[in-house]
Amino acid sequence: INDPQMTDYVAKVAQSTLGSDSYIPAARAAMGGEDFAYYLEAIPGCFFMLGVCPTGRTTYPSLHSDRFDFTDAAMGYGVRMFVNLVRNFPVD
């Protein structure tokens, strides 16, 4: 379960980093098979996803499909997100 304050923080960073039009909040909770949930039991955090559908496409194979091909252009967006999450994190 994502921490509400961390979720707001990630949303703000995503909107400022990628642009408001590129930020898409999850329509509903998802029960993925991630071990990250165990971290969130101990430390407040937020699991977010980075879109990898190439520009100009409306559909793309899912991450666990044998037809999936990682979109290299997504790498820069992910790095910028993580850098800005760290740089803007409020320190007490």
PDB file of N, CA and C in Angstrom:
ATOM      1  N   ILE A   1       0.854  -1.171   0.000  1.00  0.00           N
ATOM      2  CA  ILE A   1       0.000   0.000   0.000  1.00  0.00           C
ATOM      3  C   ILE A   1       0.901   1.235   0.000  1.00  0.00           C
ATOM      4  N   ASN A   2       0.709   2.089  -0.986  1.00  0.00           N
ATOM      5  CA  ASN A   2       1.485   3.318  -1.078  1.00  0.00           C
ATOM      6  C   ASN A   2       1.118   4.276   0.050  1.00  0.00           C
ATOM      7  N   ASP A   3       2.119   4.946   0.587  1.00  0.00           N
ATOM      8  CA  ASP A   3       1.903   5.970   1.593  1.00  0.00           C
ATOM      9  C   ASP A   3       1.292   7.195   0.905  1.00  0.00           C
ATOM     10  N   PRO A   4       0.183   7.740   1.437  1.00  0.00           N
ATOM     11  CA  PRO A   4      -0.479   8.873   0.769  1.00  0.00           C
ATOM     12  C   PRO A   4       0.430  10.088   0.572  1.00  0.00           C
ATOM     13  N   GLN A   5       1.246  10.441   1.561  1.00  0.00           N
ATOM     14  CA  GLN A   5       2.138  11.598   1.412  1.00  0.00           C
ATOM     15  C   GLN A   5       3.214  11.344   0.363  1.00  0.00           C
ATOM     16  N   MET A   6       3.752  10.141   0.345  1.00  0.00           N
ATOM     17  CA  MET A   6       4.764   9.817  -0.661  1.00  0.00           C
ATOM     18  C   MET A   6       4.139   9.766  -2.054  1.00  0.00           C
ATOM     19  N   THR A   7       2.902   9.294  -2.126  1.00  0.00           N
ATOM     20  CA  THR A   7       2.204   9.259  -3.410  1.00  0.00           C
ATOM     21  C   THR A   7       2.016  10.671  -3.945  1.00  0.00           C
ATOM     22  N   ASP A   8       1.621  11.605  -3.077  1.00  0.00           N
ATOM     23  CA  ASP A   8       1.483  13.006  -3.492  1.00  0.00           C
ATOM     24  C   ASP A   8       2.826  13.569  -3.942  1.00  0.00           C
ATOM     25  N   TYR A   9       3.886  13.231  -3.196  1.00  0.00           N
ATOM     26  CA  TYR A   9       5.225  13.715  -3.543  1.00  0.00           C
ATOM     27  C   TYR A   9       5.653  13.200  -4.922  1.00  0.00           C
ATOM     28  N   VAL A  10       5.484  11.918  -5.159  1.00  0.00           N
ATOM     29  CA  VAL A  10       5.862  11.332  -6.452  1.00  0.00           C
ATOM     30  C   VAL A  10       5.044  11.962  -7.578  1.00  0.00           C
ATOM     31  N   ALA A  11       3.761  12.192  -7.339  1.00  0.00           N
ATOM     32  CA  ALA A  11       2.909  12.818  -8.358  1.00  0.00           C
ATOM     33  C   ALA A  11       3.417  14.219  -8.704  1.00  0.00           C
ATOM     34  N   LYS A  12       3.769  15.000  -7.684  1.00  0.00           N
ATOM     35  CA  LYS A  12       4.268  16.359  -7.926  1.00  0.00           C
ATOM     36  C   LYS A  12       5.588  16.340  -8.690  1.00  0.00           C
ATOM     37  N   VAL A  13       6.481  15.435  -8.305  1.00  0.00           N
ATOM     38  CA  VAL A  13       7.767  15.331  -9.006  1.00  0.00           C
ATOM     39  C   VAL A  13       7.547  14.872 -10.446  1.00  0.00           C
ATOM     40  N   ALA A  14       6.670  13.912 -10.650  1.00  0.00           N
ATOM     41  CA  ALA A  14       6.399  13.423 -12.010  1.00  0.00           C
ATOM     42  C   ALA A  14       5.844  14.535 -12.883  1.00  0.00           C
ATOM     43  N   GLN A  15       4.915  15.311 -12.342  1.00  0.00           N
ATOM     44  CA  GLN A  15       4.330  16.396 -13.131  1.00  0.00           C
ATOM     45  C   GLN A  15       5.354  17.474 -13.460  1.00  0.00           C
ATOM     46  N   SER A  16       6.225  17.795 -12.509  1.00  0.00           N
ATOM     47  CA  SER A  16       7.226  18.826 -12.787  1.00  0.00           C
ATOM     48  C   SER A  16       8.356  18.300 -13.671  1.00  0.00           C
ATOM     49  N   THR A  17       8.648  17.024 -13.585  1.00  0.00           N
ATOM     50  CA  THR A  17       9.737  16.433 -14.368  1.00  0.00           C
ATOM     51  C   THR A  17       9.302  16.094 -15.792  1.00  0.00           C
ATOM     52  N   LEU A  18       8.153  15.473 -15.916  1.00  0.00           N
ATOM     53  CA  LEU A  18       7.705  14.950 -17.209  1.00  0.00           C
ATOM     54  C   LEU A  18       6.624  15.795 -17.859  1.00  0.00           C
ATOM     55  N   GLY A  19       6.026  16.705 -17.091  1.00  0.00           N
ATOM     56  CA  GLY A  19       4.926  17.528 -17.590  1.00  0.00           C
ATOM     57  C   GLY A  19       3.593  16.970 -17.128  1.00  0.00           C
ATOM     58  N   SER A  20       2.672  17.862 -16.854  1.00  0.00           N
ATOM     59  CA  SER A  20       1.357  17.460 -16.346  1.00  0.00           C
ATOM     60  C   SER A  20       0.631  16.524 -17.303  1.00  0.00           C
ATOM     61  N   ASP A  21       0.816  16.728 -18.602  1.00  0.00           N
ATOM     62  CA  ASP A  21       0.135  15.880 -19.587  1.00  0.00           C
ATOM     63  C   ASP A  21       0.665  14.455 -19.592  1.00  0.00           C
ATOM     64  N   SER A  22       1.891  14.263 -19.130  1.00  0.00           N
ATOM     65  CA  SER A  22       2.501  12.930 -19.135  1.00  0.00           C
ATOM     66  C   SER A  22       2.226  12.150 -17.862  1.00  0.00           C
ATOM     67  N   TYR A  23       1.737  12.822 -16.840  1.00  0.00           N
ATOM     68  CA  TYR A  23       1.429  12.139 -15.580  1.00  0.00           C
ATOM     69  C   TYR A  23       0.012  11.582 -15.644  1.00  0.00           C
ATOM     70  N   ILE A  24      -0.112  10.278 -15.441  1.00  0.00           N
ATOM     71  CA  ILE A  24      -1.424   9.624 -15.472  1.00  0.00           C
ATOM     72  C   ILE A  24      -1.585   8.854 -14.163  1.00  0.00           C
ATOM     73  N   PRO A  25      -2.456   9.345 -13.270  1.00  0.00           N
ATOM     74  CA  PRO A  25      -2.661   8.607 -12.017  1.00  0.00           C
ATOM     75  C   PRO A  25      -3.336   7.269 -12.294  1.00  0.00           C
ATOM     76  N   ALA A  26      -3.042   6.296 -11.462  1.00  0.00           N
ATOM     77  CA  ALA A  26      -3.657   4.980 -11.621  1.00  0.00           C
ATOM     78  C   ALA A  26      -5.162   5.094 -11.422  1.00  0.00           C
ATOM     79  N   ALA A  27      -5.914   4.471 -12.298  1.00  0.00           N
ATOM     80  CA  ALA A  27      -7.373   4.527 -12.217  1.00  0.00           C
ATOM     81  C   ALA A  27      -7.903   3.735 -11.024  1.00  0.00           C
ATOM     82  N   ARG A  28      -7.146   2.721 -10.640  1.00  0.00           N
ATOM     83  CA  ARG A  28      -7.553   1.881  -9.506  1.00  0.00           C
ATOM     84  C   ARG A  28      -6.325   1.182  -8.958  1.00  0.00           C
ATOM     85  N   ALA A  29      -6.454   0.647  -7.768  1.00  0.00           N
ATOM     86  CA  ALA A  29      -5.345  -0.090  -7.160  1.00  0.00           C
ATOM     87  C   ALA A  29      -5.054  -1.345  -7.977  1.00  0.00           C
ATOM     88  N   ALA A  30      -3.793  -1.722  -8.018  1.00  0.00           N
ATOM     89  CA  ALA A  30      -3.388  -2.927  -8.750  1.00  0.00           C
ATOM     90  C   ALA A  30      -2.650  -3.855  -7.801  1.00  0.00           C
ATOM     91  N   MET A  31      -2.910  -5.119  -7.900  1.00  0.00           N
ATOM     92  CA  MET A  31      -2.267  -6.109  -7.046  1.00  0.00           C
ATOM     93  C   MET A  31      -1.180  -6.838  -7.835  1.00  0.00           C
ATOM     94  N   GLY A  32      -0.111  -6.135  -8.126  1.00  0.00           N
ATOM     95  CA  GLY A  32       1.003  -6.745  -8.839  1.00  0.00           C
ATOM     96  C   GLY A  32       1.749  -7.716  -7.940  1.00  0.00           C
ATOM     97  N   GLY A  33       2.618  -8.470  -8.505  1.00  0.00           N
ATOM     98  CA  GLY A  33       3.391  -9.456  -7.754  1.00  0.00           C
ATOM     99  C   GLY A  33       4.755  -8.928  -7.370  1.00  0.00           C
ATOM    100  N   GLU A  34       4.812  -7.775  -6.757  1.00  0.00           N
ATOM    101  CA  GLU A  34       6.085  -7.145  -6.426  1.00  0.00           C
ATOM    102  C   GLU A  34       6.466  -7.358  -4.968  1.00  0.00           C
ATOM    103  N   ASP A  35       7.729  -7.619  -4.710  1.00  0.00           N
ATOM    104  CA  ASP A  35       8.235  -7.718  -3.344  1.00  0.00           C
ATOM    105  C   ASP A  35       8.401  -6.346  -2.708  1.00  0.00           C
ATOM    106  N   PHE A  36       8.262  -5.288  -3.501  1.00  0.00           N
ATOM    107  CA  PHE A  36       8.382  -3.926  -2.998  1.00  0.00           C
ATOM    108  C   PHE A  36       7.403  -3.676  -1.855  1.00  0.00           C
ATOM    109  N   ALA A  37       6.292  -4.393  -1.831  1.00  0.00           N
ATOM    110  CA  ALA A  37       5.293  -4.230  -0.773  1.00  0.00           C
ATOM    111  C   ALA A  37       5.899  -4.462   0.600  1.00  0.00           C
ATOM    112  N   TYR A  38       6.870  -5.341   0.689  1.00  0.00           N
ATOM    113  CA  TYR A  38       7.509  -5.597   1.981  1.00  0.00           C
ATOM    114  C   TYR A  38       8.313  -4.380   2.455  1.00  0.00           C
ATOM    115  N   TYR A  39       8.915  -3.660   1.533  1.00  0.00           N
ATOM    116  CA  TYR A  39       9.617  -2.421   1.898  1.00  0.00           C
ATOM    117  C   TYR A  39       8.621  -1.399   2.449  1.00  0.00           C
ATOM    118  N   LEU A  40       7.464  -1.302   1.772  1.00  0.00           N
ATOM    119  CA  LEU A  40       6.471  -0.318   2.167  1.00  0.00           C
ATOM    120  C   LEU A  40       5.843  -0.626   3.521  1.00  0.00           C
ATOM    121  N   GLU A  41       5.974  -1.849   3.983  1.00  0.00           N
ATOM    122  CA  GLU A  41       5.501  -2.171   5.329  1.00  0.00           C
ATOM    123  C   GLU A  41       6.404  -1.543   6.384  1.00  0.00           C
ATOM    124  N   ALA A  42       7.661  -1.311   6.034  1.00  0.00           N
ATOM    125  CA  ALA A  42       8.638  -0.785   6.993  1.00  0.00           C
ATOM    126  C   ALA A  42       8.934   0.695   6.804  1.00  0.00           C
ATOM    127  N   ILE A  43       8.885   1.174   5.564  1.00  0.00           N
ATOM    128  CA  ILE A  43       9.275   2.548   5.245  1.00  0.00           C
ATOM    129  C   ILE A  43       8.235   3.146   4.304  1.00  0.00           C
ATOM    130  N   PRO A  44       7.739   4.352   4.595  1.00  0.00           N
ATOM    131  CA  PRO A  44       6.766   4.978   3.691  1.00  0.00           C
ATOM    132  C   PRO A  44       7.366   5.154   2.296  1.00  0.00           C
ATOM    133  N   GLY A  45       6.604   4.815   1.293  1.00  0.00           N
ATOM    134  CA  GLY A  45       7.087   4.932  -0.076  1.00  0.00           C
ATOM    135  C   GLY A  45       5.941   4.918  -1.059  1.00  0.00           C
ATOM    136  N   CYS A  46       6.284   4.885  -2.329  1.00  0.00           N
ATOM    137  CA  CYS A  46       5.289   4.882  -3.395  1.00  0.00           C
ATOM    138  C   CYS A  46       5.839   4.096  -4.583  1.00  0.00           C
ATOM    139  N   PHE A  47       5.119   3.089  -4.984  1.00  0.00           N
ATOM    140  CA  PHE A  47       5.461   2.313  -6.176  1.00  0.00           C
ATOM    141  C   PHE A  47       4.832   3.030  -7.361  1.00  0.00           C
ATOM    142  N   PHE A  48       5.632   3.403  -8.349  1.00  0.00           N
ATOM    143  CA  PHE A  48       5.079   4.050  -9.537  1.00  0.00           C
ATOM    144  C   PHE A  48       5.568   3.316 -10.776  1.00  0.00           C
ATOM    145  N   MET A  49       4.863   3.528 -11.848  1.00  0.00           N
ATOM    146  CA  MET A  49       5.207   2.869 -13.108  1.00  0.00           C
ATOM    147  C   MET A  49       5.625   3.909 -14.133  1.00  0.00           C
ATOM    148  N   LEU A  50       6.515   3.505 -14.988  1.00  0.00           N
ATOM    149  CA  LEU A  50       6.997   4.353 -16.072  1.00  0.00           C
ATOM    150  C   LEU A  50       6.489   3.760 -17.379  1.00  0.00           C
ATOM    151  N   GLY A  51       5.794   4.560 -18.137  1.00  0.00           N
ATOM    152  CA  GLY A  51       5.270   4.081 -19.411  1.00  0.00           C
ATOM    153  C   GLY A  51       6.386   3.789 -20.404  1.00  0.00           C
ATOM    154  N   VAL A  52       6.238   2.727 -21.164  1.00  0.00           N
ATOM    155  CA  VAL A  52       7.262   2.361 -22.140  1.00  0.00           C
ATOM    156  C   VAL A  52       6.694   2.184 -23.546  1.00  0.00           C
ATOM    157  N   CYS A  53       5.428   2.544 -23.734  1.00  0.00           N
ATOM    158  CA  CYS A  53       4.826   2.440 -25.062  1.00  0.00           C
ATOM    159  C   CYS A  53       5.468   3.500 -25.957  1.00  0.00           C
ATOM    160  N   PRO A  54       6.047   3.095 -27.085  1.00  0.00           N
ATOM    161  CA  PRO A  54       6.722   4.058 -27.957  1.00  0.00           C
ATOM    162  C   PRO A  54       5.780   5.133 -28.487  1.00  0.00           C
ATOM    163  N   THR A  55       6.322   6.303 -28.736  1.00  0.00           N
ATOM    164  CA  THR A  55       5.567   7.405 -29.307  1.00  0.00           C
ATOM    165  C   THR A  55       4.935   6.959 -30.619  1.00  0.00           C
ATOM    166  N   GLY A  56       3.684   7.324 -30.790  1.00  0.00           N
ATOM    167  CA  GLY A  56       2.983   6.982 -32.026  1.00  0.00           C
ATOM    168  C   GLY A  56       2.232   5.665 -31.966  1.00  0.00           C
ATOM    169  N   ARG A  57       2.404   4.903 -30.893  1.00  0.00           N
ATOM    170  CA  ARG A  57       1.694   3.631 -30.732  1.00  0.00           C
ATOM    171  C   ARG A  57       0.598   3.809 -29.700  1.00  0.00           C
ATOM    172  N   THR A  58      -0.511   3.114 -29.884  1.00  0.00           N
ATOM    173  CA  THR A  58      -1.586   3.167 -28.899  1.00  0.00           C
ATOM    174  C   THR A  58      -1.629   1.900 -28.057  1.00  0.00           C
ATOM    175  N   THR A  59      -1.005   0.843 -28.538  1.00  0.00           N
ATOM    176  CA  THR A  59      -0.924  -0.403 -27.779  1.00  0.00           C
ATOM    177  C   THR A  59       0.506  -0.905 -27.820  1.00  0.00           C
ATOM    178  N   TYR A  60       0.839  -1.737 -26.839  1.00  0.00           N
ATOM    179  CA  TYR A  60       2.186  -2.294 -26.769  1.00  0.00           C
ATOM    180  C   TYR A  60       2.125  -3.564 -25.940  1.00  0.00           C
ATOM    181  N   PRO A  61       2.912  -4.578 -26.256  1.00  0.00           N
ATOM    182  CA  PRO A  61       2.878  -5.808 -25.459  1.00  0.00           C
ATOM    183  C   PRO A  61       3.243  -5.539 -23.997  1.00  0.00           C
ATOM    184  N   SER A  62       2.639  -6.269 -23.099  1.00  0.00           N
ATOM    185  CA  SER A  62       2.912  -6.084 -21.672  1.00  0.00           C
ATOM    186  C   SER A  62       4.340  -6.523 -21.348  1.00  0.00           C
ATOM    187  N   LEU A  63       4.797  -6.093 -20.176  1.00  0.00           N
ATOM    188  CA  LEU A  63       6.185  -6.353 -19.772  1.00  0.00           C
ATOM    189  C   LEU A  63       6.535  -7.842 -19.726  1.00  0.00           C
ATOM    190  N   HIS A  64       5.568  -8.689 -19.454  1.00  0.00           N
ATOM    191  CA  HIS A  64       5.854 -10.114 -19.325  1.00  0.00           C
ATOM    192  C   HIS A  64       5.466 -10.915 -20.565  1.00  0.00           C
ATOM    193  N   SER A  65       5.264 -10.220 -21.656  1.00  0.00           N
ATOM    194  CA  SER A  65       4.933 -10.870 -22.913  1.00  0.00           C
ATOM    195  C   SER A  65       6.207 -11.264 -23.654  1.00  0.00           C
ATOM    196  N   ASP A  66       6.135 -12.342 -24.411  1.00  0.00           N
ATOM    197  CA  ASP A  66       7.289 -12.736 -25.220  1.00  0.00           C
ATOM    198  C   ASP A  66       7.473 -11.795 -26.414  1.00  0.00           C
ATOM    199  N   ARG A  67       6.518 -10.900 -26.650  1.00  0.00           N
ATOM    200  CA  ARG A  67       6.618  -9.912 -27.741  1.00  0.00           C
ATOM    201  C   ARG A  67       7.123  -8.562 -27.240  1.00  0.00           C
ATOM    202  N   PHE A  68       7.334  -8.423 -25.916  1.00  0.00           N
ATOM    203  CA  PHE A  68       7.782  -7.145 -25.364  1.00  0.00           C
ATOM    204  C   PHE A  68       9.213  -6.853 -25.791  1.00  0.00           C
ATOM    205  N   ASP A  69       9.465  -5.608 -26.152  1.00  0.00           N
ATOM    206  CA  ASP A  69      10.805  -5.134 -26.509  1.00  0.00           C
ATOM    207  C   ASP A  69      10.993  -3.810 -25.789  1.00  0.00           C
ATOM    208  N   PHE A  70      11.938  -3.743 -24.845  1.00  0.00           N
ATOM    209  CA  PHE A  70      12.113  -2.543 -24.039  1.00  0.00           C
ATOM    210  C   PHE A  70      12.323  -1.326 -24.930  1.00  0.00           C
ATOM    211  N   THR A  71      11.633  -0.255 -24.580  1.00  0.00           N
ATOM    212  CA  THR A  71      11.739   0.998 -25.310  1.00  0.00           C
ATOM    213  C   THR A  71      12.888   1.811 -24.717  1.00  0.00           C
ATOM    214  N   ASP A  72      14.011   1.832 -25.394  1.00  0.00           N
ATOM    215  CA  ASP A  72      15.207   2.509 -24.875  1.00  0.00           C
ATOM    216  C   ASP A  72      14.956   3.973 -24.535  1.00  0.00           C
ATOM    217  N   ALA A  73      14.066   4.634 -25.266  1.00  0.00           N
ATOM    218  CA  ALA A  73      13.792   6.052 -25.022  1.00  0.00           C
ATOM    219  C   ALA A  73      13.201   6.282 -23.629  1.00  0.00           C
ATOM    220  N   ALA A  74      12.621   5.272 -23.023  1.00  0.00           N
ATOM    221  CA  ALA A  74      12.031   5.411 -21.683  1.00  0.00           C
ATOM    222  C   ALA A  74      13.105   5.539 -20.606  1.00  0.00           C
ATOM    223  N   MET A  75      14.301   5.072 -20.871  1.00  0.00           N
ATOM    224  CA  MET A  75      15.367   5.062 -19.866  1.00  0.00           C
ATOM    225  C   MET A  75      15.670   6.468 -19.338  1.00  0.00           C
ATOM    226  N   GLY A  76      15.795   7.431 -20.198  1.00  0.00           N
ATOM    227  CA  GLY A  76      16.088   8.795 -19.780  1.00  0.00           C
ATOM    228  C   GLY A  76      15.005   9.371 -18.880  1.00  0.00           C
ATOM    229  N   TYR A  77      13.758   9.070 -19.186  1.00  0.00           N
ATOM    230  CA  TYR A  77      12.652   9.555 -18.355  1.00  0.00           C
ATOM    231  C   TYR A  77      12.720   8.943 -16.957  1.00  0.00           C
ATOM    232  N   GLY A  78      13.019   7.667 -16.895  1.00  0.00           N
ATOM    233  CA  GLY A  78      13.134   6.994 -15.597  1.00  0.00           C
ATOM    234  C   GLY A  78      14.274   7.552 -14.773  1.00  0.00           C
ATOM    235  N   VAL A  79      15.409   7.777 -15.399  1.00  0.00           N
ATOM    236  CA  VAL A  79      16.560   8.336 -14.685  1.00  0.00           C
ATOM    237  C   VAL A  79      16.222   9.727 -14.171  1.00  0.00           C
ATOM    238  N   ARG A  80      15.609  10.557 -15.012  1.00  0.00           N
ATOM    239  CA  ARG A  80      15.232  11.907 -14.572  1.00  0.00           C
ATOM    240  C   ARG A  80      14.267  11.859 -13.399  1.00  0.00           C
ATOM    241  N   MET A  81      13.315  10.926 -13.427  1.00  0.00           N
ATOM    242  CA  MET A  81      12.373  10.794 -12.313  1.00  0.00           C
ATOM    243  C   MET A  81      13.115  10.483 -11.018  1.00  0.00           C
ATOM    244  N   PHE A  82      13.983   9.472 -11.041  1.00  0.00           N
ATOM    245  CA  PHE A  82      14.682   9.086  -9.814  1.00  0.00           C
ATOM    246  C   PHE A  82      15.625  10.182  -9.319  1.00  0.00           C
ATOM    247  N   VAL A  83      16.316  10.846 -10.226  1.00  0.00           N
ATOM    248  CA  VAL A  83      17.209  11.941  -9.826  1.00  0.00           C
ATOM    249  C   VAL A  83      16.396  13.053  -9.159  1.00  0.00           C
ATOM    250  N   ASN A  84      15.275  13.423  -9.758  1.00  0.00           N
ATOM    251  CA  ASN A  84      14.470  14.499  -9.191  1.00  0.00           C
ATOM    252  C   ASN A  84      13.767  14.086  -7.908  1.00  0.00           C
ATOM    253  N   LEU A  85      13.422  12.820  -7.770  1.00  0.00           N
ATOM    254  CA  LEU A  85      12.855  12.360  -6.501  1.00  0.00           C
ATOM    255  C   LEU A  85      13.866  12.522  -5.372  1.00  0.00           C
ATOM    256  N   VAL A  86      15.125  12.222  -5.667  1.00  0.00           N
ATOM    257  CA  VAL A  86      16.176  12.360  -4.659  1.00  0.00           C
ATOM    258  C   VAL A  86      16.506  13.841  -4.405  1.00  0.00           C
ATOM    259  N   ARG A  87      16.684  14.600  -5.464  1.00  0.00           N
ATOM    260  CA  ARG A  87      17.098  16.010  -5.321  1.00  0.00           C
ATOM    261  C   ARG A  87      16.048  16.852  -4.598  1.00  0.00           C
ATOM    262  N   ASN A  88      14.779  16.539  -4.783  1.00  0.00           N
ATOM    263  CA  ASN A  88      13.701  17.355  -4.208  1.00  0.00           C
ATOM    264  C   ASN A  88      13.136  16.786  -2.911  1.00  0.00           C
ATOM    265  N   PHE A  89      13.694  15.693  -2.432  1.00  0.00           N
ATOM    266  CA  PHE A  89      13.153  15.068  -1.231  1.00  0.00           C
ATOM    267  C   PHE A  89      13.349  15.991  -0.027  1.00  0.00           C
ATOM    268  N   PRO A  90      12.253  16.263   0.694  1.00  0.00           N
ATOM    269  CA  PRO A  90      12.382  17.151   1.850  1.00  0.00           C
ATOM    270  C   PRO A  90      13.180  16.488   2.979  1.00  0.00           C
ATOM    271  N   VAL A  91      14.221  17.160   3.422  1.00  0.00           N
ATOM    272  CA  VAL A  91      15.048  16.642   4.489  1.00  0.00           C
ATOM    273  C   VAL A  91      14.731  17.426   5.751  1.00  0.00           C
ATOM    274  N   ASP A  92      14.504  16.702   6.821  1.00  0.00           N
ATOM    275  CA  ASP A  92      14.180  17.368   8.097  1.00  0.00           C
ATOM    276  C   ASP A  92      15.380  18.047   8.695  1.00  0.00           C
TER     277      ASP A  92
END
